[in-house]
C-alpha cells in the first residue's frame, strides 16, 4: 500500500475550522510568495540589466576616448628631443669649426598646452567619478528596494 493512500483517522468536530484556517493561511502565504517572486523577476528583467549595461558601457567608452586624448596632449608638456637636437645642430653649423659649449635650453610648455591638459584630466576624473557615483547610487537603491519588499 502506498503511504500517501493511508486513510486518516476521523477528525473531531471542531478541527475542521482549524484546518480551514491553516489552509487559507497557507494559500495567502503562497500568493504573497508568488507576488514577491514576481516583483523580484520584474526588477531583474533582461531589459533592466541591458539598460544598466548600456549606461556603464557609455561611461566606459567616454572615459576611454578622453584617456586617448589626454595621453596625446600630455606629450605637449615635455620637451621634444628631436627639436632640441636640431637646435644644437643648427648652433654648431652657425659657429663653424669653433668649439663652443652648448648651453642646455630650459623648456617651458605653452600656457595653452597646460590649460588643455588640465581640462582633459579634469574631464577624465569627473567622468570616472560620476560613473562610480552612479553605480553606487544604483546599488543603494536596489538594496533599499530589496529591503522594503521583504
N, C-alpha and C. Protein backbone atom coordinates (compact mmCIF):
# COMPACT_ATOMS: atom_id res chain seq x y z
N UNK A 1 0.84 -1.17 0.00
CA UNK A 1 0.00 0.00 0.00
C UNK A 1 0.89 1.25 0.00
N UNK A 2 0.51 2.21 -0.80
CA UNK A 2 1.26 3.46 -0.93
C UNK A 2 1.06 4.32 0.33
N UNK A 3 2.15 4.91 0.90
CA UNK A 3 2.00 5.69 2.14
C UNK A 3 1.10 6.91 1.97
N UNK A 4 0.96 7.41 0.76
CA UNK A 4 0.09 8.58 0.57
C UNK A 4 -1.38 8.21 0.57
N UNK A 5 -1.68 6.93 0.48
CA UNK A 5 -3.07 6.49 0.43
C UNK A 5 -3.53 5.89 1.75
N UNK A 6 -2.78 6.08 2.80
CA UNK A 6 -3.17 5.57 4.12
C UNK A 6 -4.36 6.40 4.59
N UNK A 7 -5.42 5.75 5.00
CA UNK A 7 -6.60 6.51 5.46
C UNK A 7 -6.30 7.23 6.77
N UNK A 8 -6.77 8.44 6.88
CA UNK A 8 -6.58 9.24 8.08
C UNK A 8 -7.69 8.92 9.08
N UNK A 9 -7.40 9.08 10.36
CA UNK A 9 -8.46 8.85 11.36
C UNK A 9 -9.52 9.93 11.23
N UNK A 10 -10.72 9.62 11.61
CA UNK A 10 -11.79 10.62 11.51
C UNK A 10 -11.46 11.83 12.38
N UNK A 11 -11.75 13.01 11.86
CA UNK A 11 -11.44 14.25 12.58
C UNK A 11 -12.54 14.57 13.56
N UNK A 12 -12.17 15.33 14.57
CA UNK A 12 -13.13 15.76 15.58
C UNK A 12 -13.96 16.89 15.00
N UNK A 13 -15.02 17.22 15.64
CA UNK A 13 -15.97 18.20 15.11
C UNK A 13 -15.36 19.59 14.99
N UNK A 14 -14.57 20.05 15.94
CA UNK A 14 -14.03 21.40 15.92
C UNK A 14 -12.77 21.55 15.10
N UNK A 15 -12.14 20.48 14.67
CA UNK A 15 -10.86 20.58 13.98
C UNK A 15 -11.00 21.04 12.54
N UNK A 16 -12.14 20.97 11.93
CA UNK A 16 -12.33 21.43 10.55
C UNK A 16 -12.08 22.93 10.43
N UNK A 17 -12.48 23.71 11.43
CA UNK A 17 -12.26 25.16 11.40
C UNK A 17 -10.76 25.47 11.46
N UNK A 18 -10.06 24.74 12.28
CA UNK A 18 -8.61 24.96 12.39
C UNK A 18 -7.93 24.59 11.09
N UNK A 19 -8.32 23.46 10.51
CA UNK A 19 -7.71 23.04 9.24
C UNK A 19 -8.04 24.04 8.14
N UNK A 20 -9.27 24.53 8.11
CA UNK A 20 -9.65 25.52 7.10
C UNK A 20 -8.83 26.80 7.26
N UNK A 21 -8.62 27.21 8.51
CA UNK A 21 -7.83 28.41 8.77
C UNK A 21 -6.38 28.20 8.33
N UNK A 22 -5.83 27.04 8.65
CA UNK A 22 -4.45 26.74 8.25
C UNK A 22 -4.33 26.70 6.73
N UNK A 23 -5.30 26.08 6.07
CA UNK A 23 -5.27 26.01 4.60
C UNK A 23 -5.37 27.40 4.00
N UNK A 24 -6.26 28.26 4.54
CA UNK A 24 -6.39 29.61 3.98
C UNK A 24 -5.13 30.44 4.25
N UNK A 25 -4.50 30.25 5.43
CA UNK A 25 -3.24 30.96 5.69
C UNK A 25 -2.14 30.49 4.75
N UNK A 26 -2.08 29.20 4.49
CA UNK A 26 -1.10 28.68 3.55
C UNK A 26 -1.32 29.25 2.15
N UNK A 27 -2.59 29.39 1.76
CA UNK A 27 -2.89 29.96 0.44
C UNK A 27 -2.45 31.42 0.38
N UNK A 28 -2.68 32.18 1.46
CA UNK A 28 -2.27 33.59 1.49
C UNK A 28 -0.74 33.68 1.42
N UNK A 29 -0.05 32.83 2.15
CA UNK A 29 1.42 32.84 2.13
C UNK A 29 1.93 32.50 0.74
N UNK A 30 1.31 31.51 0.08
CA UNK A 30 1.74 31.14 -1.27
C UNK A 30 1.53 32.29 -2.25
N UNK A 31 0.38 32.98 -2.14
CA UNK A 31 0.11 34.11 -3.03
C UNK A 31 1.12 35.22 -2.77
N UNK A 32 1.42 35.48 -1.49
CA UNK A 32 2.40 36.51 -1.15
C UNK A 32 3.78 36.16 -1.69
N UNK A 33 4.17 34.90 -1.55
CA UNK A 33 5.47 34.47 -2.09
C UNK A 33 5.50 34.59 -3.61
N UNK A 34 4.37 34.27 -4.26
CA UNK A 34 4.31 34.41 -5.71
C UNK A 34 4.46 35.87 -6.12
N UNK A 35 3.79 36.77 -5.39
CA UNK A 35 3.90 38.20 -5.71
C UNK A 35 5.32 38.71 -5.48
N UNK A 36 5.95 38.26 -4.40
CA UNK A 36 7.33 38.68 -4.15
C UNK A 36 8.28 38.17 -5.22
N UNK A 37 8.07 36.94 -5.66
CA UNK A 37 8.94 36.42 -6.71
C UNK A 37 8.69 37.15 -8.03
N UNK A 38 7.43 37.55 -8.28
CA UNK A 38 7.16 38.32 -9.49
C UNK A 38 7.84 39.68 -9.42
N UNK A 39 7.81 40.33 -8.24
CA UNK A 39 8.49 41.62 -8.09
C UNK A 39 9.99 41.46 -8.28
N UNK A 40 10.54 40.39 -7.77
CA UNK A 40 11.97 40.14 -7.94
C UNK A 40 12.29 39.92 -9.41
N UNK A 41 11.45 39.15 -10.09
CA UNK A 41 11.69 38.89 -11.51
C UNK A 41 11.55 40.16 -12.34
N UNK A 42 10.60 41.03 -11.95
CA UNK A 42 10.44 42.28 -12.69
C UNK A 42 11.65 43.19 -12.50
N UNK A 43 12.20 43.21 -11.29
CA UNK A 43 13.35 44.09 -11.05
C UNK A 43 14.63 43.55 -11.69
N UNK A 44 14.67 42.27 -12.04
CA UNK A 44 15.85 41.68 -12.65
C UNK A 44 15.52 41.24 -14.07
N UNK A 45 14.69 41.99 -14.73
CA UNK A 45 14.34 41.61 -16.10
C UNK A 45 15.54 41.84 -17.02
N UNK A 46 15.59 41.12 -18.14
CA UNK A 46 16.73 41.30 -19.05
C UNK A 46 16.84 42.73 -19.58
N UNK A 47 15.71 43.42 -19.73
CA UNK A 47 15.76 44.79 -20.25
C UNK A 47 16.43 45.72 -19.25
N UNK A 48 16.13 45.53 -17.97
CA UNK A 48 16.75 46.37 -16.95
C UNK A 48 18.25 46.13 -16.90
N UNK A 49 18.64 44.88 -16.96
CA UNK A 49 20.06 44.55 -16.94
C UNK A 49 20.75 45.14 -18.17
N UNK A 50 20.11 45.06 -19.33
CA UNK A 50 20.70 45.59 -20.56
C UNK A 50 20.84 47.11 -20.49
N UNK A 51 19.83 47.79 -19.94
CA UNK A 51 19.91 49.25 -19.81
C UNK A 51 21.07 49.66 -18.91
N UNK A 52 21.25 48.95 -17.81
CA UNK A 52 22.36 49.25 -16.92
C UNK A 52 23.70 48.98 -17.60
N UNK A 53 23.76 47.91 -18.36
CA UNK A 53 24.98 47.58 -19.09
C UNK A 53 25.30 48.67 -20.10
N UNK A 54 24.28 49.18 -20.79
CA UNK A 54 24.50 50.25 -21.77
C UNK A 54 25.03 51.52 -21.10
N UNK A 55 24.51 51.84 -19.92
CA UNK A 55 24.97 53.04 -19.22
C UNK A 55 26.44 52.91 -18.82
N UNK A 56 26.79 51.75 -18.29
CA UNK A 56 28.17 51.53 -17.88
C UNK A 56 29.10 51.54 -19.09
N UNK A 57 28.65 50.93 -20.19
CA UNK A 57 29.47 50.92 -21.41
C UNK A 57 29.65 52.33 -21.97
N UNK A 58 28.61 53.15 -21.93
CA UNK A 58 28.73 54.52 -22.43
C UNK A 58 29.73 55.31 -21.59
N UNK A 59 29.65 55.16 -20.27
CA UNK A 59 30.59 55.87 -19.39
C UNK A 59 32.01 55.36 -19.63
N UNK A 60 32.17 54.06 -19.81
CA UNK A 60 33.50 53.50 -20.06
C UNK A 60 34.07 53.93 -21.39
N UNK A 61 33.23 53.96 -22.42
CA UNK A 61 33.68 54.39 -23.74
C UNK A 61 34.07 55.86 -23.73
N UNK A 62 33.28 56.68 -23.07
CA UNK A 62 33.59 58.10 -22.97
C UNK A 62 34.93 58.30 -22.25
N UNK A 63 35.14 57.57 -21.17
CA UNK A 63 36.40 57.68 -20.43
C UNK A 63 37.58 57.19 -21.26
N UNK A 64 37.37 56.16 -22.07
CA UNK A 64 38.46 55.65 -22.92
C UNK A 64 38.85 56.67 -23.98
N UNK A 65 37.88 57.35 -24.56
CA UNK A 65 38.17 58.37 -25.57
C UNK A 65 38.91 59.54 -24.92
N UNK A 66 38.45 59.96 -23.76
CA UNK A 66 39.13 61.06 -23.06
C UNK A 66 40.56 60.67 -22.71
N UNK A 67 40.76 59.42 -22.30
CA UNK A 67 42.10 58.94 -21.97
C UNK A 67 43.03 59.01 -23.17
N UNK A 68 42.52 58.65 -24.34
CA UNK A 68 43.34 58.71 -25.56
C UNK A 68 43.78 60.15 -25.84
N UNK A 69 42.86 61.09 -25.72
CA UNK A 69 43.22 62.49 -25.94
C UNK A 69 44.17 63.01 -24.86
N UNK A 70 43.95 62.59 -23.62
CA UNK A 70 44.82 63.05 -22.53
C UNK A 70 46.25 62.53 -22.70
N UNK A 71 46.38 61.29 -23.13
CA UNK A 71 47.72 60.73 -23.36
C UNK A 71 48.43 61.49 -24.48
N UNK A 72 47.71 61.78 -25.54
CA UNK A 72 48.32 62.50 -26.66
C UNK A 72 48.71 63.92 -26.27
N UNK A 73 47.84 64.62 -25.55
CA UNK A 73 48.15 66.01 -25.19
C UNK A 73 49.17 66.10 -24.06
N UNK A 74 49.34 65.04 -23.29
CA UNK A 74 50.33 65.04 -22.21
C UNK A 74 51.75 65.17 -22.77
N UNK A 75 51.94 64.70 -23.98
CA UNK A 75 53.26 64.78 -24.62
C UNK A 75 53.66 66.22 -24.92
N UNK A 76 52.69 67.11 -24.98
CA UNK A 76 52.99 68.52 -25.25
C UNK A 76 53.71 69.17 -24.08
N UNK A 77 53.65 68.57 -22.90
CA UNK A 77 54.25 69.16 -21.71
C UNK A 77 55.74 68.86 -21.58
N UNK A 78 56.23 67.90 -22.36
CA UNK A 78 57.66 67.56 -22.34
C UNK A 78 58.36 68.15 -23.55
N UNK A 79 59.64 68.36 -23.38
CA UNK A 79 60.44 68.88 -24.48
C UNK A 79 60.66 67.77 -25.51
N UNK A 80 60.53 68.13 -26.77
CA UNK A 80 60.73 67.16 -27.85
C UNK A 80 62.23 67.00 -28.08
N UNK A 81 62.79 65.78 -27.92
CA UNK A 81 64.23 65.61 -28.10
C UNK A 81 64.69 65.89 -29.53
N UNK A 82 63.84 65.68 -30.51
CA UNK A 82 64.23 65.96 -31.90
C UNK A 82 64.43 67.46 -32.11
N UNK A 83 63.56 68.26 -31.53
CA UNK A 83 63.69 69.72 -31.66
C UNK A 83 64.96 70.19 -30.95
N UNK A 84 65.26 69.64 -29.80
CA UNK A 84 66.48 70.00 -29.07
C UNK A 84 67.73 69.65 -29.87
N UNK A 85 67.74 68.46 -30.45
CA UNK A 85 68.88 68.02 -31.25
C UNK A 85 69.06 68.91 -32.48
N UNK A 86 67.97 69.23 -33.16
CA UNK A 86 68.06 70.10 -34.33
C UNK A 86 68.57 71.50 -33.95
N UNK A 87 68.13 72.01 -32.82
CA UNK A 87 68.60 73.32 -32.37
C UNK A 87 70.11 73.29 -32.10
N UNK A 88 70.58 72.22 -31.50
CA UNK A 88 72.02 72.10 -31.23
C UNK A 88 72.81 71.95 -32.53
N UNK A 89 72.31 71.19 -33.49
CA UNK A 89 73.00 71.03 -34.78
C UNK A 89 73.07 72.36 -35.54
N UNK A 90 72.00 73.12 -35.50
CA UNK A 90 72.00 74.43 -36.16
C UNK A 90 73.00 75.36 -35.48
N UNK A 91 73.07 75.29 -34.17
CA UNK A 91 74.03 76.13 -33.43
C UNK A 91 75.46 75.76 -33.79
N UNK A 92 75.74 74.47 -33.93
CA UNK A 92 77.09 74.02 -34.30
C UNK A 92 77.42 74.48 -35.72
N UNK A 93 76.48 74.37 -36.64
CA UNK A 93 76.72 74.79 -38.03
C UNK A 93 76.92 76.30 -38.11
N UNK A 94 76.19 77.04 -37.31
CA UNK A 94 76.31 78.50 -37.36
C UNK A 94 77.66 78.97 -36.82
N UNK A 95 78.21 78.28 -35.87
CA UNK A 95 79.50 78.66 -35.29
C UNK A 95 80.68 78.17 -36.11
N UNK A 96 80.43 77.32 -37.07
CA UNK A 96 81.53 76.82 -37.90
C UNK A 96 82.34 75.79 -37.14
N UNK A 97 83.67 75.95 -37.23
CA UNK A 97 84.57 74.97 -36.60
C UNK A 97 84.95 75.36 -35.18
N UNK A 98 84.45 76.48 -34.73
CA UNK A 98 84.78 76.90 -33.37
C UNK A 98 84.11 75.97 -32.35
N UNK A 99 84.86 75.54 -31.39
CA UNK A 99 84.32 74.66 -30.36
C UNK A 99 83.74 75.51 -29.24
N UNK A 100 82.49 75.54 -29.14
CA UNK A 100 81.82 76.27 -28.06
C UNK A 100 80.96 75.29 -27.27
N UNK A 101 80.80 75.61 -26.04
CA UNK A 101 79.93 74.73 -25.24
C UNK A 101 78.47 75.06 -25.55
N UNK A 102 77.71 74.02 -25.63
CA UNK A 102 76.29 74.19 -25.94
C UNK A 102 75.53 74.29 -24.63
N UNK A 103 74.84 75.39 -24.46
CA UNK A 103 74.08 75.60 -23.24
C UNK A 103 72.77 74.82 -23.31
N UNK A 104 72.44 74.13 -22.25
CA UNK A 104 71.15 73.42 -22.26
C UNK A 104 70.00 74.43 -22.24
N UNK A 105 69.02 74.15 -23.00
CA UNK A 105 67.85 75.03 -23.05
C UNK A 105 66.86 74.60 -21.98
N UNK A 106 66.21 75.55 -21.42
CA UNK A 106 65.19 75.28 -20.41
C UNK A 106 63.83 75.32 -21.09
N UNK A 107 63.20 74.18 -21.10
CA UNK A 107 61.91 74.07 -21.79
C UNK A 107 60.79 74.49 -20.85
N UNK A 108 59.89 75.29 -21.39
CA UNK A 108 58.70 75.67 -20.65
C UNK A 108 57.51 75.48 -21.58
N UNK A 109 56.56 74.62 -21.20
CA UNK A 109 55.41 74.39 -22.09
C UNK A 109 54.53 75.63 -22.19
N UNK A 110 53.82 75.70 -23.29
CA UNK A 110 52.92 76.83 -23.52
C UNK A 110 51.79 76.81 -22.49
N UNK A 111 51.27 77.99 -22.23
CA UNK A 111 50.14 78.08 -21.30
C UNK A 111 48.92 77.37 -21.85
N UNK A 112 48.75 77.41 -23.18
CA UNK A 112 47.60 76.72 -23.78
C UNK A 112 47.72 75.21 -23.62
N UNK A 113 48.94 74.67 -23.72
CA UNK A 113 49.14 73.22 -23.54
C UNK A 113 48.81 72.81 -22.11
N UNK A 114 49.23 73.62 -21.17
CA UNK A 114 48.94 73.33 -19.76
C UNK A 114 47.43 73.38 -19.51
N UNK A 115 46.78 74.40 -20.05
CA UNK A 115 45.34 74.55 -19.86
C UNK A 115 44.57 73.39 -20.48
N UNK A 116 44.95 73.00 -21.69
CA UNK A 116 44.28 71.88 -22.38
C UNK A 116 44.45 70.59 -21.58
N UNK A 117 45.65 70.35 -21.07
CA UNK A 117 45.88 69.14 -20.28
C UNK A 117 45.09 69.15 -18.98
N UNK A 118 44.99 70.30 -18.35
CA UNK A 118 44.18 70.40 -17.13
C UNK A 118 42.74 70.01 -17.43
N UNK A 119 42.19 70.53 -18.52
CA UNK A 119 40.80 70.21 -18.86
C UNK A 119 40.60 68.75 -19.24
N UNK A 120 41.55 68.15 -19.97
CA UNK A 120 41.43 66.73 -20.33
C UNK A 120 41.42 65.86 -19.07
N UNK A 121 42.37 66.08 -18.18
CA UNK A 121 42.45 65.26 -16.97
C UNK A 121 41.29 65.53 -16.02
N UNK A 122 40.85 66.77 -15.95
CA UNK A 122 39.68 67.08 -15.14
C UNK A 122 38.44 66.38 -15.69
N UNK A 123 38.30 66.37 -17.00
CA UNK A 123 37.18 65.68 -17.64
C UNK A 123 37.23 64.18 -17.36
N UNK A 124 38.41 63.60 -17.43
CA UNK A 124 38.56 62.17 -17.16
C UNK A 124 38.21 61.85 -15.70
N UNK A 125 38.70 62.65 -14.79
CA UNK A 125 38.41 62.41 -13.37
C UNK A 125 36.92 62.55 -13.09
N UNK A 126 36.29 63.58 -13.62
CA UNK A 126 34.85 63.77 -13.40
C UNK A 126 34.03 62.66 -14.04
N UNK A 127 34.44 62.20 -15.21
CA UNK A 127 33.73 61.12 -15.89
C UNK A 127 33.78 59.83 -15.07
N UNK A 128 34.96 59.47 -14.61
CA UNK A 128 35.09 58.24 -13.81
C UNK A 128 34.39 58.38 -12.46
N UNK A 129 34.48 59.56 -11.85
CA UNK A 129 33.82 59.76 -10.56
C UNK A 129 32.30 59.71 -10.69
N UNK A 130 31.76 60.29 -11.77
CA UNK A 130 30.31 60.25 -11.94
C UNK A 130 29.82 58.84 -12.26
N UNK A 131 30.60 58.06 -13.01
CA UNK A 131 30.23 56.67 -13.28
C UNK A 131 30.24 55.86 -11.98
N UNK A 132 31.25 56.06 -11.17
CA UNK A 132 31.33 55.36 -9.88
C UNK A 132 30.18 55.78 -8.97
N UNK A 133 29.90 57.06 -8.90
CA UNK A 133 28.80 57.56 -8.07
C UNK A 133 27.46 57.01 -8.54
N UNK A 134 27.26 56.95 -9.86
CA UNK A 134 26.02 56.38 -10.40
C UNK A 134 25.86 54.92 -10.05
N UNK A 135 26.93 54.15 -10.16
CA UNK A 135 26.86 52.73 -9.81
C UNK A 135 26.57 52.54 -8.32
N UNK A 136 27.21 53.34 -7.47
CA UNK A 136 26.96 53.23 -6.04
C UNK A 136 25.53 53.60 -5.69
N UNK A 137 25.00 54.64 -6.33
CA UNK A 137 23.60 55.03 -6.09
C UNK A 137 22.64 53.94 -6.55
N UNK A 138 22.91 53.37 -7.71
CA UNK A 138 22.05 52.30 -8.23
C UNK A 138 22.05 51.10 -7.29
N UNK A 139 23.22 50.72 -6.78
CA UNK A 139 23.29 49.60 -5.84
C UNK A 139 22.55 49.93 -4.55
N UNK A 140 22.65 51.17 -4.10
CA UNK A 140 21.97 51.57 -2.88
C UNK A 140 20.46 51.49 -3.08
N UNK A 141 19.96 51.98 -4.21
CA UNK A 141 18.53 51.95 -4.49
C UNK A 141 18.04 50.50 -4.59
N UNK A 142 18.78 49.64 -5.26
CA UNK A 142 18.38 48.23 -5.35
C UNK A 142 18.35 47.58 -3.98
N UNK A 143 19.33 47.87 -3.14
CA UNK A 143 19.34 47.31 -1.78
C UNK A 143 18.17 47.84 -0.98
N UNK A 144 17.86 49.12 -1.13
CA UNK A 144 16.73 49.71 -0.43
C UNK A 144 15.42 49.09 -0.89
N UNK A 145 15.25 48.90 -2.19
CA UNK A 145 14.04 48.26 -2.71
C UNK A 145 13.94 46.82 -2.24
N UNK A 146 15.06 46.12 -2.18
CA UNK A 146 15.06 44.73 -1.72
C UNK A 146 14.65 44.66 -0.25
N UNK A 147 15.13 45.60 0.57
CA UNK A 147 14.80 45.59 2.00
C UNK A 147 13.35 45.96 2.25
N UNK A 148 12.76 46.82 1.42
CA UNK A 148 11.37 47.22 1.64
C UNK A 148 10.38 46.17 1.15
N UNK A 149 10.78 45.33 0.20
CA UNK A 149 9.85 44.30 -0.29
C UNK A 149 9.85 43.05 0.57
N UNK A 150 10.89 42.87 1.38
CA UNK A 150 10.92 41.66 2.22
C UNK A 150 10.43 41.92 3.62
